[in-house]
Amino acid sequence: MSEHPLHSLILAADYRVADVEGMWAQLQARRPQLADIAAHHVVVYSSLWEPGRVLVTVGIHHPQSVSEVMRSPAIFEFFDASGVEDIPAVFAGEVVEKIDLAESSAGENGVASVIVGVVTAVHDVPALMDKVHDAVGRFRDAGVCKVWVYQAFDDGHEVLILQQIENESAARRWIDHPDAAAEWMSAAGFGVYPTVFVGTLAHMSSLDSSGEESN
């Protein structure tokens, strides 16, 4: 997780595919269509522990583009290209805060080796962020390098939280024994959303206005 692939406006979905590489090839073939919906990045994380499970995030240029995409056939075409039969729940939101806690052992493209993603409901987002700021030392000691929080457009209590963890062992410990301030960990998997996602970067594409991949 880095400044490059993560965005202020985001669509995110957690689902399963038969072939991650085949899914990516299909998405790459549709770069012009992605650019048409004002996407500027597509990032695919692949689960460490559940073969075929992916977390896909799409960075969007404008808030109005997000609502347009959610109402348009483009979202169905996106999942059809991924080989998904049942459309998964899609999170659509904007950034609340991006907190850098520590230097991480980043791999190619500056993306950390492990990403932990959660979509959940919280009672009070500002109060949650106050708790996180008060606990940054404990988070850092636990191996958490970054915490990025997104709030859903259609529900002020619904959040997507992406956490950059220094390695898989630290991620396991964090999931089993999270800090009390990380209340979202115990509430993961509510409603239509799946349980905690733990994975690594599989693919990332940057789109310019013409839909061509840029570096």
N, C-alpha and C. Protein backbone atom coordinates (compact mmCIF):
# COMPACT_ATOMS: atom_id res chain seq x y z
N MET A 1 0.86 -1.19 0.00
CA MET A 1 0.00 0.00 0.00
C MET A 1 0.89 1.23 0.00
N SER A 2 0.65 2.14 -0.90
CA SER A 2 1.49 3.32 -1.01
C SER A 2 0.68 4.48 -1.55
N GLU A 3 1.31 5.65 -1.68
CA GLU A 3 0.63 6.81 -2.21
C GLU A 3 0.19 6.58 -3.64
N HIS A 4 0.92 5.72 -4.38
CA HIS A 4 0.62 5.56 -5.79
C HIS A 4 -0.69 4.84 -6.05
N PRO A 5 -0.94 3.64 -5.47
CA PRO A 5 -2.15 2.93 -5.85
C PRO A 5 -3.39 3.25 -5.04
N LEU A 6 -3.28 3.95 -3.94
CA LEU A 6 -4.44 4.19 -3.09
C LEU A 6 -4.91 5.63 -3.25
N HIS A 7 -6.22 5.83 -3.27
CA HIS A 7 -6.77 7.08 -3.77
C HIS A 7 -7.77 7.70 -2.81
N SER A 8 -8.07 8.98 -3.08
CA SER A 8 -9.02 9.68 -2.24
C SER A 8 -10.44 9.22 -2.49
N LEU A 9 -10.76 8.84 -3.72
CA LEU A 9 -12.07 8.30 -4.08
C LEU A 9 -11.86 6.88 -4.56
N ILE A 10 -12.67 5.97 -4.05
CA ILE A 10 -12.35 4.57 -4.30
C ILE A 10 -13.60 3.71 -4.45
N LEU A 11 -13.51 2.74 -5.34
CA LEU A 11 -14.42 1.61 -5.39
C LEU A 11 -13.61 0.39 -4.96
N ALA A 12 -14.18 -0.47 -4.16
CA ALA A 12 -13.46 -1.66 -3.69
C ALA A 12 -14.41 -2.84 -3.63
N ALA A 13 -13.90 -4.01 -3.99
CA ALA A 13 -14.70 -5.23 -3.92
C ALA A 13 -13.79 -6.39 -3.56
N ASP A 14 -14.31 -7.29 -2.75
CA ASP A 14 -13.61 -8.47 -2.27
C ASP A 14 -14.39 -9.67 -2.78
N TYR A 15 -13.77 -10.49 -3.62
CA TYR A 15 -14.51 -11.60 -4.21
C TYR A 15 -13.53 -12.70 -4.64
N ARG A 16 -14.07 -13.75 -5.21
CA ARG A 16 -13.25 -14.90 -5.60
C ARG A 16 -13.30 -15.10 -7.11
N VAL A 17 -12.17 -15.51 -7.66
CA VAL A 17 -12.07 -15.81 -9.08
C VAL A 17 -11.35 -17.14 -9.25
N ALA A 18 -11.57 -17.76 -10.39
CA ALA A 18 -10.92 -19.05 -10.64
C ALA A 18 -9.45 -18.87 -11.00
N ASP A 19 -9.12 -17.75 -11.64
CA ASP A 19 -7.76 -17.53 -12.15
C ASP A 19 -7.42 -16.05 -12.02
N VAL A 20 -6.58 -15.72 -11.07
CA VAL A 20 -6.23 -14.31 -10.83
C VAL A 20 -5.52 -13.72 -12.04
N GLU A 21 -4.58 -14.46 -12.63
CA GLU A 21 -3.84 -13.94 -13.77
C GLU A 21 -4.75 -13.76 -14.97
N GLY A 22 -5.68 -14.70 -15.18
CA GLY A 22 -6.62 -14.55 -16.27
C GLY A 22 -7.54 -13.37 -16.07
N MET A 23 -7.97 -13.14 -14.83
CA MET A 23 -8.80 -11.99 -14.51
C MET A 23 -8.07 -10.70 -14.85
N TRP A 24 -6.80 -10.62 -14.48
CA TRP A 24 -6.03 -9.41 -14.74
C TRP A 24 -5.88 -9.16 -16.23
N ALA A 25 -5.64 -10.22 -16.99
CA ALA A 25 -5.50 -10.06 -18.44
C ALA A 25 -6.79 -9.50 -19.04
N GLN A 26 -7.94 -9.97 -18.55
CA GLN A 26 -9.22 -9.47 -19.05
C GLN A 26 -9.43 -8.00 -18.68
N LEU A 27 -9.03 -7.63 -17.47
CA LEU A 27 -9.17 -6.24 -17.05
C LEU A 27 -8.24 -5.33 -17.86
N GLN A 28 -7.02 -5.80 -18.11
CA GLN A 28 -6.09 -4.99 -18.89
C GLN A 28 -6.61 -4.76 -20.30
N ALA A 29 -7.30 -5.75 -20.85
CA ALA A 29 -7.85 -5.61 -22.19
C ALA A 29 -8.97 -4.57 -22.23
N ARG A 30 -9.48 -4.20 -21.06
CA ARG A 30 -10.58 -3.24 -20.97
C ARG A 30 -10.13 -1.91 -20.37
N ARG A 31 -8.86 -1.56 -20.50
CA ARG A 31 -8.37 -0.29 -19.98
C ARG A 31 -9.12 0.93 -20.54
N PRO A 32 -9.44 0.95 -21.85
CA PRO A 32 -10.18 2.12 -22.35
C PRO A 32 -11.54 2.29 -21.68
N GLN A 33 -12.23 1.17 -21.42
CA GLN A 33 -13.52 1.26 -20.74
C GLN A 33 -13.36 1.74 -19.30
N LEU A 34 -12.29 1.33 -18.65
CA LEU A 34 -12.04 1.82 -17.30
C LEU A 34 -11.76 3.32 -17.30
N ALA A 35 -11.00 3.78 -18.28
CA ALA A 35 -10.74 5.22 -18.38
C ALA A 35 -12.03 5.98 -18.66
N ASP A 36 -12.94 5.37 -19.39
CA ASP A 36 -14.22 6.02 -19.70
C ASP A 36 -15.04 6.29 -18.45
N ILE A 37 -14.84 5.48 -17.39
CA ILE A 37 -15.59 5.71 -16.15
C ILE A 37 -14.76 6.53 -15.15
N ALA A 38 -13.72 7.23 -15.68
CA ALA A 38 -12.88 8.13 -14.88
C ALA A 38 -12.01 7.39 -13.87
N ALA A 39 -11.68 6.14 -14.16
CA ALA A 39 -10.73 5.42 -13.31
C ALA A 39 -9.31 5.87 -13.62
N HIS A 40 -8.49 6.03 -12.59
CA HIS A 40 -7.10 6.36 -12.85
C HIS A 40 -6.13 5.29 -12.36
N HIS A 41 -6.58 4.37 -11.52
CA HIS A 41 -5.77 3.23 -11.12
C HIS A 41 -6.67 2.03 -10.87
N VAL A 42 -6.13 0.86 -11.14
CA VAL A 42 -6.75 -0.39 -10.72
C VAL A 42 -5.68 -1.20 -10.01
N VAL A 43 -6.00 -1.69 -8.80
CA VAL A 43 -5.06 -2.46 -8.01
C VAL A 43 -5.71 -3.77 -7.60
N VAL A 44 -4.98 -4.86 -7.75
CA VAL A 44 -5.47 -6.18 -7.35
C VAL A 44 -4.54 -6.74 -6.28
N TYR A 45 -5.12 -7.07 -5.12
CA TYR A 45 -4.41 -7.78 -4.08
C TYR A 45 -4.91 -9.23 -4.08
N SER A 46 -4.00 -10.17 -3.92
CA SER A 46 -4.34 -11.59 -3.90
C SER A 46 -4.16 -12.13 -2.49
N SER A 47 -5.14 -12.91 -2.04
CA SER A 47 -5.13 -13.42 -0.67
C SER A 47 -3.94 -14.34 -0.42
N LEU A 48 -3.37 -14.20 0.76
CA LEU A 48 -2.28 -15.08 1.18
C LEU A 48 -2.79 -16.46 1.59
N TRP A 49 -3.99 -16.50 2.13
CA TRP A 49 -4.47 -17.72 2.79
C TRP A 49 -5.66 -18.38 2.10
N GLU A 50 -6.29 -17.68 1.15
CA GLU A 50 -7.48 -18.22 0.50
C GLU A 50 -7.30 -18.13 -1.01
N PRO A 51 -6.88 -19.20 -1.66
CA PRO A 51 -6.63 -19.17 -3.10
C PRO A 51 -7.85 -18.68 -3.88
N GLY A 52 -7.60 -17.74 -4.80
CA GLY A 52 -8.67 -17.22 -5.64
C GLY A 52 -9.38 -16.02 -5.08
N ARG A 53 -9.15 -15.69 -3.83
CA ARG A 53 -9.80 -14.51 -3.24
C ARG A 53 -8.96 -13.27 -3.56
N VAL A 54 -9.62 -12.23 -4.03
CA VAL A 54 -8.93 -10.99 -4.38
C VAL A 54 -9.65 -9.79 -3.77
N LEU A 55 -8.88 -8.75 -3.54
CA LEU A 55 -9.42 -7.44 -3.18
C LEU A 55 -9.00 -6.49 -4.29
N VAL A 56 -9.98 -5.92 -4.96
CA VAL A 56 -9.72 -5.03 -6.10
C VAL A 56 -10.16 -3.63 -5.72
N THR A 57 -9.27 -2.66 -5.93
CA THR A 57 -9.62 -1.26 -5.69
C THR A 57 -9.46 -0.49 -6.99
N VAL A 58 -10.39 0.42 -7.23
CA VAL A 58 -10.37 1.27 -8.41
C VAL A 58 -10.39 2.72 -7.95
N GLY A 59 -9.35 3.47 -8.27
CA GLY A 59 -9.32 4.89 -7.95
C GLY A 59 -10.11 5.67 -8.98
N ILE A 60 -10.95 6.59 -8.51
CA ILE A 60 -11.84 7.35 -9.37
C ILE A 60 -11.52 8.84 -9.25
N HIS A 61 -11.58 9.55 -10.38
CA HIS A 61 -11.22 10.97 -10.40
C HIS A 61 -12.22 11.87 -9.67
N HIS A 62 -13.52 11.64 -9.85
CA HIS A 62 -14.51 12.59 -9.37
C HIS A 62 -15.62 11.89 -8.59
N PRO A 63 -16.14 12.52 -7.53
CA PRO A 63 -17.24 11.90 -6.77
C PRO A 63 -18.44 11.56 -7.64
N GLN A 64 -18.79 12.45 -8.58
CA GLN A 64 -19.95 12.18 -9.41
C GLN A 64 -19.71 10.96 -10.30
N SER A 65 -18.43 10.70 -10.63
CA SER A 65 -18.12 9.53 -11.43
C SER A 65 -18.45 8.25 -10.69
N VAL A 66 -18.25 8.25 -9.37
CA VAL A 66 -18.53 7.06 -8.58
C VAL A 66 -20.01 6.72 -8.64
N SER A 67 -20.88 7.70 -8.42
CA SER A 67 -22.31 7.43 -8.45
C SER A 67 -22.76 7.02 -9.84
N GLU A 68 -22.15 7.61 -10.87
CA GLU A 68 -22.50 7.24 -12.24
C GLU A 68 -22.11 5.80 -12.53
N VAL A 69 -20.93 5.41 -12.06
CA VAL A 69 -20.47 4.04 -12.28
C VAL A 69 -21.39 3.05 -11.59
N MET A 70 -21.79 3.37 -10.35
CA MET A 70 -22.63 2.44 -9.60
C MET A 70 -23.99 2.25 -10.26
N ARG A 71 -24.42 3.22 -11.07
CA ARG A 71 -25.72 3.10 -11.74
C ARG A 71 -25.60 2.58 -13.17
N SER A 72 -24.38 2.44 -13.66
CA SER A 72 -24.19 2.12 -15.07
C SER A 72 -23.88 0.65 -15.30
N PRO A 73 -24.04 0.18 -16.54
CA PRO A 73 -23.69 -1.20 -16.88
C PRO A 73 -22.20 -1.47 -16.74
N ALA A 74 -21.39 -0.42 -16.64
CA ALA A 74 -19.94 -0.60 -16.58
C ALA A 74 -19.53 -1.47 -15.40
N ILE A 75 -20.24 -1.35 -14.28
CA ILE A 75 -19.86 -2.13 -13.11
C ILE A 75 -20.10 -3.61 -13.36
N PHE A 76 -21.17 -3.93 -14.09
CA PHE A 76 -21.44 -5.33 -14.42
C PHE A 76 -20.42 -5.85 -15.42
N GLU A 77 -20.04 -5.00 -16.38
CA GLU A 77 -19.03 -5.40 -17.34
C GLU A 77 -17.69 -5.64 -16.67
N PHE A 78 -17.38 -4.85 -15.66
CA PHE A 78 -16.13 -5.01 -14.91
C PHE A 78 -16.07 -6.39 -14.27
N PHE A 79 -17.15 -6.79 -13.61
CA PHE A 79 -17.15 -8.09 -12.95
C PHE A 79 -17.29 -9.24 -13.94
N ASP A 80 -17.98 -8.98 -15.03
CA ASP A 80 -18.07 -10.01 -16.07
C ASP A 80 -16.68 -10.31 -16.62
N ALA A 81 -15.88 -9.26 -16.83
CA ALA A 81 -14.51 -9.45 -17.30
C ALA A 81 -13.67 -10.20 -16.28
N SER A 82 -14.03 -10.09 -15.00
CA SER A 82 -13.29 -10.77 -13.95
C SER A 82 -13.67 -12.25 -13.84
N GLY A 83 -14.73 -12.65 -14.54
CA GLY A 83 -15.17 -14.02 -14.46
C GLY A 83 -16.04 -14.31 -13.25
N VAL A 84 -16.71 -13.27 -12.73
CA VAL A 84 -17.54 -13.42 -11.54
C VAL A 84 -18.99 -13.62 -11.96
N GLU A 85 -19.63 -14.65 -11.44
CA GLU A 85 -21.02 -14.93 -11.79
C GLU A 85 -21.99 -14.08 -10.96
N ASP A 86 -21.72 -13.95 -9.67
CA ASP A 86 -22.57 -13.16 -8.79
C ASP A 86 -21.85 -11.87 -8.42
N ILE A 87 -22.47 -10.73 -8.70
CA ILE A 87 -21.84 -9.44 -8.41
C ILE A 87 -21.65 -9.29 -6.91
N PRO A 88 -20.43 -9.05 -6.44
CA PRO A 88 -20.20 -8.89 -5.00
C PRO A 88 -20.61 -7.51 -4.51
N ALA A 89 -20.60 -7.35 -3.20
CA ALA A 89 -20.84 -6.02 -2.62
C ALA A 89 -19.70 -5.10 -3.03
N VAL A 90 -20.03 -3.88 -3.41
CA VAL A 90 -19.04 -2.90 -3.83
C VAL A 90 -19.05 -1.74 -2.85
N PHE A 91 -17.89 -1.44 -2.29
CA PHE A 91 -17.75 -0.29 -1.40
C PHE A 91 -17.39 0.92 -2.25
N ALA A 92 -18.08 2.02 -2.06
CA ALA A 92 -17.79 3.27 -2.75
C ALA A 92 -17.66 4.38 -1.72
N GLY A 93 -16.50 5.02 -1.67
CA GLY A 93 -16.31 6.04 -0.64
C GLY A 93 -15.15 6.96 -0.91
N GLU A 94 -14.86 7.79 0.08
CA GLU A 94 -13.77 8.76 -0.02
C GLU A 94 -12.91 8.69 1.22
N VAL A 95 -11.68 9.16 1.08
CA VAL A 95 -10.72 9.03 2.16
C VAL A 95 -11.10 9.90 3.35
N VAL A 96 -10.94 9.34 4.55
CA VAL A 96 -11.08 10.09 5.80
C VAL A 96 -9.70 10.54 6.24
N GLU A 97 -8.77 9.61 6.29
CA GLU A 97 -7.41 9.93 6.71
C GLU A 97 -6.46 8.82 6.31
N LYS A 98 -5.21 9.21 6.04
CA LYS A 98 -4.14 8.27 5.74
C LYS A 98 -3.04 8.51 6.78
N ILE A 99 -2.81 7.51 7.61
CA ILE A 99 -1.89 7.67 8.72
C ILE A 99 -0.65 6.82 8.50
N ASP A 100 0.52 7.45 8.42
CA ASP A 100 1.79 6.74 8.32
C ASP A 100 2.34 6.56 9.73
N LEU A 101 2.53 5.31 10.12
CA LEU A 101 2.99 5.01 11.47
C LEU A 101 4.47 4.67 11.54
N ALA A 102 4.97 4.02 10.49
CA ALA A 102 6.36 3.57 10.53
C ALA A 102 6.83 3.28 9.13
N GLU A 103 8.15 3.23 8.97
CA GLU A 103 8.72 2.79 7.71
C GLU A 103 8.42 1.31 7.54
N SER A 104 8.12 0.90 6.31
CA SER A 104 7.80 -0.50 6.05
C SER A 104 8.80 -1.11 5.10
N SER A 105 8.86 -2.43 5.11
CA SER A 105 9.70 -3.15 4.16
C SER A 105 8.89 -3.31 2.89
N ALA A 106 8.97 -2.31 2.02
CA ALA A 106 8.14 -2.29 0.82
C ALA A 106 8.80 -3.07 -0.30
N GLY A 107 7.95 -3.63 -1.14
CA GLY A 107 8.43 -4.37 -2.29
C GLY A 107 8.35 -3.50 -3.53
N GLU A 108 8.19 -4.14 -4.69
CA GLU A 108 8.12 -3.43 -5.95
C GLU A 108 6.95 -2.45 -5.92
N ASN A 109 7.17 -1.25 -6.51
CA ASN A 109 6.18 -0.18 -6.54
C ASN A 109 5.91 0.42 -5.17
N GLY A 110 6.74 0.09 -4.17
CA GLY A 110 6.57 0.67 -2.86
C GLY A 110 5.42 0.11 -2.07
N VAL A 111 4.90 -1.05 -2.48
CA VAL A 111 3.74 -1.63 -1.82
C VAL A 111 4.19 -2.62 -0.77
N ALA A 112 3.61 -2.53 0.39
CA ALA A 112 4.02 -3.39 1.51
C ALA A 112 3.76 -4.85 1.21
N SER A 113 4.46 -5.73 1.93
CA SER A 113 4.33 -7.15 1.68
C SER A 113 2.97 -7.69 2.08
N VAL A 114 2.31 -7.07 3.05
CA VAL A 114 1.02 -7.58 3.52
C VAL A 114 0.03 -6.43 3.66
N ILE A 115 -1.18 -6.67 3.15
CA ILE A 115 -2.27 -5.71 3.31
C ILE A 115 -3.42 -6.41 4.03
N VAL A 116 -3.97 -5.76 5.02
CA VAL A 116 -5.13 -6.28 5.74
C VAL A 116 -6.28 -5.32 5.48
N GLY A 117 -7.35 -5.83 4.88
CA GLY A 117 -8.48 -4.99 4.52
C GLY A 117 -9.75 -5.41 5.22
N VAL A 118 -10.53 -4.43 5.66
CA VAL A 118 -11.77 -4.69 6.38
C VAL A 118 -12.82 -3.67 5.94
N VAL A 119 -14.02 -4.14 5.62
CA VAL A 119 -15.18 -3.27 5.48
C VAL A 119 -16.10 -3.57 6.65
N THR A 120 -16.44 -2.54 7.40
CA THR A 120 -17.25 -2.76 8.59
C THR A 120 -18.02 -1.49 8.94
N ALA A 121 -18.81 -1.57 10.00
CA ALA A 121 -19.57 -0.42 10.48
C ALA A 121 -18.99 0.02 11.81
N VAL A 122 -18.86 1.32 12.00
CA VAL A 122 -18.40 1.89 13.27
C VAL A 122 -19.42 2.91 13.74
N HIS A 123 -19.47 3.11 15.02
CA HIS A 123 -20.47 4.02 15.59
C HIS A 123 -20.18 5.47 15.25
N ASP A 124 -18.91 5.87 15.36
CA ASP A 124 -18.54 7.28 15.21
C ASP A 124 -17.16 7.33 14.58
N VAL A 125 -17.07 7.72 13.31
CA VAL A 125 -15.79 7.72 12.61
C VAL A 125 -14.78 8.70 13.22
N PRO A 126 -15.15 9.97 13.51
CA PRO A 126 -14.17 10.87 14.14
C PRO A 126 -13.66 10.35 15.48
N ALA A 127 -14.55 9.76 16.29
CA ALA A 127 -14.11 9.22 17.58
C ALA A 127 -13.15 8.06 17.37
N LEU A 128 -13.43 7.24 16.36
CA LEU A 128 -12.52 6.13 16.05
C LEU A 128 -11.14 6.66 15.68
N MET A 129 -11.09 7.69 14.86
CA MET A 129 -9.80 8.23 14.45
C MET A 129 -9.04 8.82 15.64
N ASP A 130 -9.76 9.42 16.59
CA ASP A 130 -9.10 9.91 17.80
C ASP A 130 -8.45 8.76 18.56
N LYS A 131 -9.14 7.63 18.66
CA LYS A 131 -8.59 6.46 19.34
C LYS A 131 -7.34 5.95 18.65
N VAL A 132 -7.39 5.93 17.32
CA VAL A 132 -6.23 5.45 16.56
C VAL A 132 -5.04 6.36 16.78
N HIS A 133 -5.25 7.67 16.75
CA HIS A 133 -4.14 8.61 16.98
C HIS A 133 -3.55 8.44 18.38
N ASP A 134 -4.41 8.18 19.34
CA ASP A 134 -3.92 7.97 20.71
C ASP A 134 -3.13 6.67 20.85
N ALA A 135 -3.37 5.74 19.94
CA ALA A 135 -2.75 4.40 20.06
C ALA A 135 -1.65 4.16 19.04
N VAL A 136 -1.16 5.20 18.38
CA VAL A 136 -0.20 4.98 17.29
C VAL A 136 1.06 4.24 17.75
N GLY A 137 1.50 4.52 18.97
CA GLY A 137 2.68 3.82 19.47
C GLY A 137 2.44 2.32 19.58
N ARG A 138 1.28 1.95 20.08
CA ARG A 138 0.95 0.52 20.20
C ARG A 138 0.77 -0.12 18.83
N PHE A 139 0.15 0.60 17.92
CA PHE A 139 0.01 0.08 16.56
C PHE A 139 1.38 -0.18 15.94
N ARG A 140 2.27 0.80 16.10
CA ARG A 140 3.62 0.68 15.54
C ARG A 140 4.35 -0.51 16.13
N ASP A 141 4.23 -0.70 17.43
CA ASP A 141 4.89 -1.83 18.09
C ASP A 141 4.34 -3.17 17.59
N ALA A 142 3.09 -3.17 17.15
CA ALA A 142 2.46 -4.40 16.66
C ALA A 142 2.79 -4.69 15.20
N GLY A 143 3.52 -3.77 14.56
CA GLY A 143 3.91 -4.00 13.18
C GLY A 143 3.03 -3.33 12.15
N VAL A 144 2.10 -2.48 12.59
CA VAL A 144 1.24 -1.75 11.67
C VAL A 144 2.01 -0.53 11.16
N CYS A 145 2.15 -0.44 9.83
CA CYS A 145 2.92 0.65 9.23
C CYS A 145 2.06 1.80 8.75
N LYS A 146 0.88 1.48 8.24
CA LYS A 146 -0.03 2.51 7.73
C LYS A 146 -1.47 2.09 8.02
N VAL A 147 -2.32 3.08 8.21
CA VAL A 147 -3.76 2.85 8.33
C VAL A 147 -4.45 3.87 7.43
N TRP A 148 -5.24 3.37 6.48
CA TRP A 148 -5.97 4.24 5.57
C TRP A 148 -7.45 3.98 5.77
N VAL A 149 -8.21 5.01 6.01
CA VAL A 149 -9.63 4.88 6.32
C VAL A 149 -10.46 5.60 5.26
N TYR A 150 -11.43 4.88 4.70
CA TYR A 150 -12.38 5.43 3.73
C TYR A 150 -13.79 5.33 4.30
N GLN A 151 -14.59 6.34 4.05
CA GLN A 151 -15.97 6.37 4.54
C GLN A 151 -16.92 6.28 3.35
N ALA A 152 -17.93 5.41 3.45
CA ALA A 152 -18.86 5.19 2.35
C ALA A 152 -19.68 6.44 2.05
N PHE A 153 -19.97 6.65 0.78
CA PHE A 153 -20.80 7.78 0.38
C PHE A 153 -22.23 7.64 0.89
N ASP A 154 -22.74 6.41 0.90
CA ASP A 154 -24.16 6.23 1.19
C ASP A 154 -24.46 5.87 2.64
N ASP A 155 -23.42 5.71 3.47
CA ASP A 155 -23.62 5.35 4.88
C ASP A 155 -22.44 5.87 5.68
N GLY A 156 -22.67 6.89 6.50
CA GLY A 156 -21.59 7.51 7.25
C GLY A 156 -20.96 6.63 8.30
N HIS A 157 -21.58 5.48 8.60
CA HIS A 157 -21.01 4.57 9.59
C HIS A 157 -20.22 3.42 8.94
N GLU A 158 -20.30 3.31 7.64
CA GLU A 158 -19.64 2.22 6.93
C GLU A 158 -18.26 2.67 6.47
N VAL A 159 -17.24 1.87 6.77
CA VAL A 159 -15.87 2.26 6.44
C VAL A 159 -15.12 1.09 5.81
N LEU A 160 -14.18 1.44 4.96
CA LEU A 160 -13.17 0.52 4.46
C LEU A 160 -11.87 0.92 5.11
N ILE A 161 -11.22 -0.02 5.78
CA ILE A 161 -9.94 0.27 6.43
C ILE A 161 -8.88 -0.66 5.86
N LEU A 162 -7.85 -0.06 5.28
CA LEU A 162 -6.71 -0.80 4.76
C LEU A 162 -5.53 -0.58 5.68
N GLN A 163 -4.92 -1.67 6.11
CA GLN A 163 -3.79 -1.59 7.03
C GLN A 163 -2.57 -2.24 6.40
N GLN A 164 -1.49 -1.53 6.40
CA GLN A 164 -0.22 -2.06 5.90
C GLN A 164 0.53 -2.66 7.08
N ILE A 165 0.85 -3.95 6.98
CA ILE A 165 1.51 -4.67 8.06
C ILE A 165 2.90 -5.10 7.59
N GLU A 166 3.87 -5.07 8.48
CA GLU A 166 5.26 -5.27 8.05
C GLU A 166 5.54 -6.67 7.52
N ASN A 167 4.84 -7.70 7.99
CA ASN A 167 5.04 -9.05 7.46
C ASN A 167 3.86 -9.94 7.84
N GLU A 168 3.87 -11.16 7.32
CA GLU A 168 2.74 -12.06 7.53
C GLU A 168 2.59 -12.46 8.99
N SER A 169 3.69 -12.67 9.69
CA SER A 169 3.61 -13.06 11.10
C SER A 169 2.95 -11.96 11.93
N ALA A 170 3.34 -10.71 11.65
CA ALA A 170 2.74 -9.59 12.37
C ALA A 170 1.26 -9.47 12.03
N ALA A 171 0.91 -9.76 10.78
CA ALA A 171 -0.50 -9.70 10.39
C ALA A 171 -1.31 -10.75 11.14
N ARG A 172 -0.77 -11.94 11.26
CA ARG A 172 -1.48 -12.99 12.01
C ARG A 172 -1.70 -12.58 13.47
N ARG A 173 -0.66 -12.03 14.08
CA ARG A 173 -0.79 -11.60 15.49
C ARG A 173 -1.82 -10.49 15.61
N TRP A 174 -1.82 -9.56 14.66
CA TRP A 174 -2.74 -8.42 14.71
C TRP A 174 -4.18 -8.89 14.57
N ILE A 175 -4.42 -9.85 13.70
CA ILE A 175 -5.77 -10.37 13.50
C ILE A 175 -6.23 -11.13 14.74
N ASP A 176 -5.33 -11.91 15.32
CA ASP A 176 -5.70 -12.71 16.50
C ASP A 176 -5.85 -11.85 17.75
N HIS A 177 -5.00 -10.81 17.86
CA HIS A 177 -5.01 -9.97 19.07
C HIS A 177 -4.86 -8.50 18.69
N PRO A 178 -5.87 -7.90 18.07
CA PRO A 178 -5.77 -6.50 17.68
C PRO A 178 -5.81 -5.58 18.89
N ASP A 179 -5.29 -4.38 18.70
CA ASP A 179 -5.37 -3.36 19.74
C ASP A 179 -6.82 -2.98 19.97
N ALA A 180 -7.14 -2.59 21.18
CA ALA A 180 -8.52 -2.19 21.51
C ALA A 180 -8.98 -1.02 20.64
N ALA A 181 -8.05 -0.16 20.22
CA ALA A 181 -8.42 0.98 19.39
C ALA A 181 -8.83 0.56 17.98
N ALA A 182 -8.40 -0.63 17.56
CA ALA A 182 -8.75 -1.15 16.24
C ALA A 182 -10.06 -1.92 16.34
N GLU A 183 -11.09 -1.22 16.74
CA GLU A 183 -12.38 -1.88 16.99
C GLU A 183 -12.96 -2.50 15.74
N TRP A 184 -12.53 -2.02 14.55
CA TRP A 184 -13.05 -2.54 13.30
C TRP A 184 -12.68 -4.01 13.08
N MET A 185 -11.60 -4.48 13.71
CA MET A 185 -11.16 -5.85 13.48
C MET A 185 -12.18 -6.87 13.99
N SER A 186 -12.78 -6.59 15.13
CA SER A 186 -13.74 -7.54 15.71
C SER A 186 -15.10 -7.46 15.05
N ALA A 187 -15.34 -6.38 14.28
CA ALA A 187 -16.64 -6.19 13.64
C ALA A 187 -16.60 -6.50 12.15
N ALA A 188 -15.50 -7.09 11.67
CA ALA A 188 -15.35 -7.36 10.24
C ALA A 188 -16.34 -8.40 9.78
N GLY A 189 -16.73 -8.28 8.51
CA GLY A 189 -17.61 -9.28 7.92
C GLY A 189 -19.08 -9.05 8.22
N PHE A 190 -19.49 -7.79 8.42
CA PHE A 190 -20.90 -7.54 8.71
C PHE A 190 -21.71 -7.50 7.42
N GLY A 191 -22.98 -7.83 7.52
CA GLY A 191 -23.89 -7.72 6.38
C GLY A 191 -23.42 -8.52 5.18
N VAL A 192 -23.38 -7.86 4.01
CA VAL A 192 -23.01 -8.53 2.77
C VAL A 192 -21.50 -8.62 2.57
N TYR A 193 -20.74 -7.98 3.44
CA TYR A 193 -19.29 -7.94 3.25
C TYR A 193 -18.60 -9.16 3.86
N PRO A 194 -17.49 -9.58 3.24
CA PRO A 194 -16.78 -10.76 3.74
C PRO A 194 -15.93 -10.45 4.96
N THR A 195 -15.26 -11.48 5.46
CA THR A 195 -14.39 -11.34 6.62
C THR A 195 -13.09 -10.65 6.24
N VAL A 196 -12.19 -10.52 7.21
CA VAL A 196 -10.92 -9.81 7.01
C VAL A 196 -10.16 -10.38 5.81
N PHE A 197 -9.68 -9.48 4.96
CA PHE A 197 -8.85 -9.86 3.83
C PHE A 197 -7.38 -9.69 4.19
N VAL A 198 -6.57 -10.70 3.89
CA VAL A 198 -5.13 -10.62 4.13
C VAL A 198 -4.42 -11.04 2.84
N GLY A 199 -3.67 -10.14 2.25
CA GLY A 199 -3.05 -10.49 0.97
C GLY A 199 -1.84 -9.65 0.64
N THR A 200 -1.38 -9.82 -0.59
CA THR A 200 -0.24 -9.08 -1.11
C THR A 200 -0.61 -8.51 -2.48
N LEU A 201 0.17 -7.55 -2.92
CA LEU A 201 -0.06 -6.96 -4.23
C LEU A 201 0.13 -8.01 -5.32
N ALA A 202 -0.86 -8.12 -6.20
CA ALA A 202 -0.73 -9.00 -7.37
C ALA A 202 -0.48 -8.18 -8.63
N HIS A 203 -1.27 -7.11 -8.82
CA HIS A 203 -1.14 -6.30 -10.03
C HIS A 203 -1.59 -4.87 -9.75
N MET A 204 -1.02 -3.95 -10.53
CA MET A 204 -1.43 -2.55 -10.44
C MET A 204 -1.30 -1.92 -11.81
N SER A 205 -2.30 -1.15 -12.20
CA SER A 205 -2.27 -0.46 -13.49
C SER A 205 -2.66 0.99 -13.29
N SER A 206 -1.88 1.89 -13.88
CA SER A 206 -2.18 3.32 -13.86
C SER A 206 -2.72 3.70 -15.23
N LEU A 207 -3.84 4.40 -15.24
CA LEU A 207 -4.51 4.75 -16.49
C LEU A 207 -4.43 6.24 -16.74
N ASP A 208 -4.04 6.60 -17.96
CA ASP A 208 -4.12 8.01 -18.32
C ASP A 208 -5.45 8.25 -19.03
N SER A 209 -5.67 9.42 -19.54
CA SER A 209 -6.97 9.78 -20.09
C SER A 209 -7.33 8.97 -21.32
N SER A 210 -6.34 8.38 -21.98
CA SER A 210 -6.62 7.60 -23.18
C SER A 210 -6.89 6.14 -22.87
N GLY A 211 -6.70 5.77 -21.59
CA GLY A 211 -6.91 4.39 -21.20
C GLY A 211 -5.68 3.54 -21.34
N GLU A 212 -4.56 4.12 -21.78
CA GLU A 212 -3.32 3.35 -21.89
C GLU A 212 -2.65 3.26 -20.54
N GLU A 213 -1.93 2.19 -20.32
CA GLU A 213 -1.22 2.01 -19.07
C GLU A 213 -0.05 2.98 -19.02
N SER A 214 0.11 3.65 -17.87
CA SER A 214 1.24 4.57 -17.72
C SER A 214 2.00 4.20 -16.47
N ASN A 215 3.27 4.54 -16.39
CA ASN A 215 4.13 4.18 -15.28
C ASN A 215 4.55 5.39 -14.48
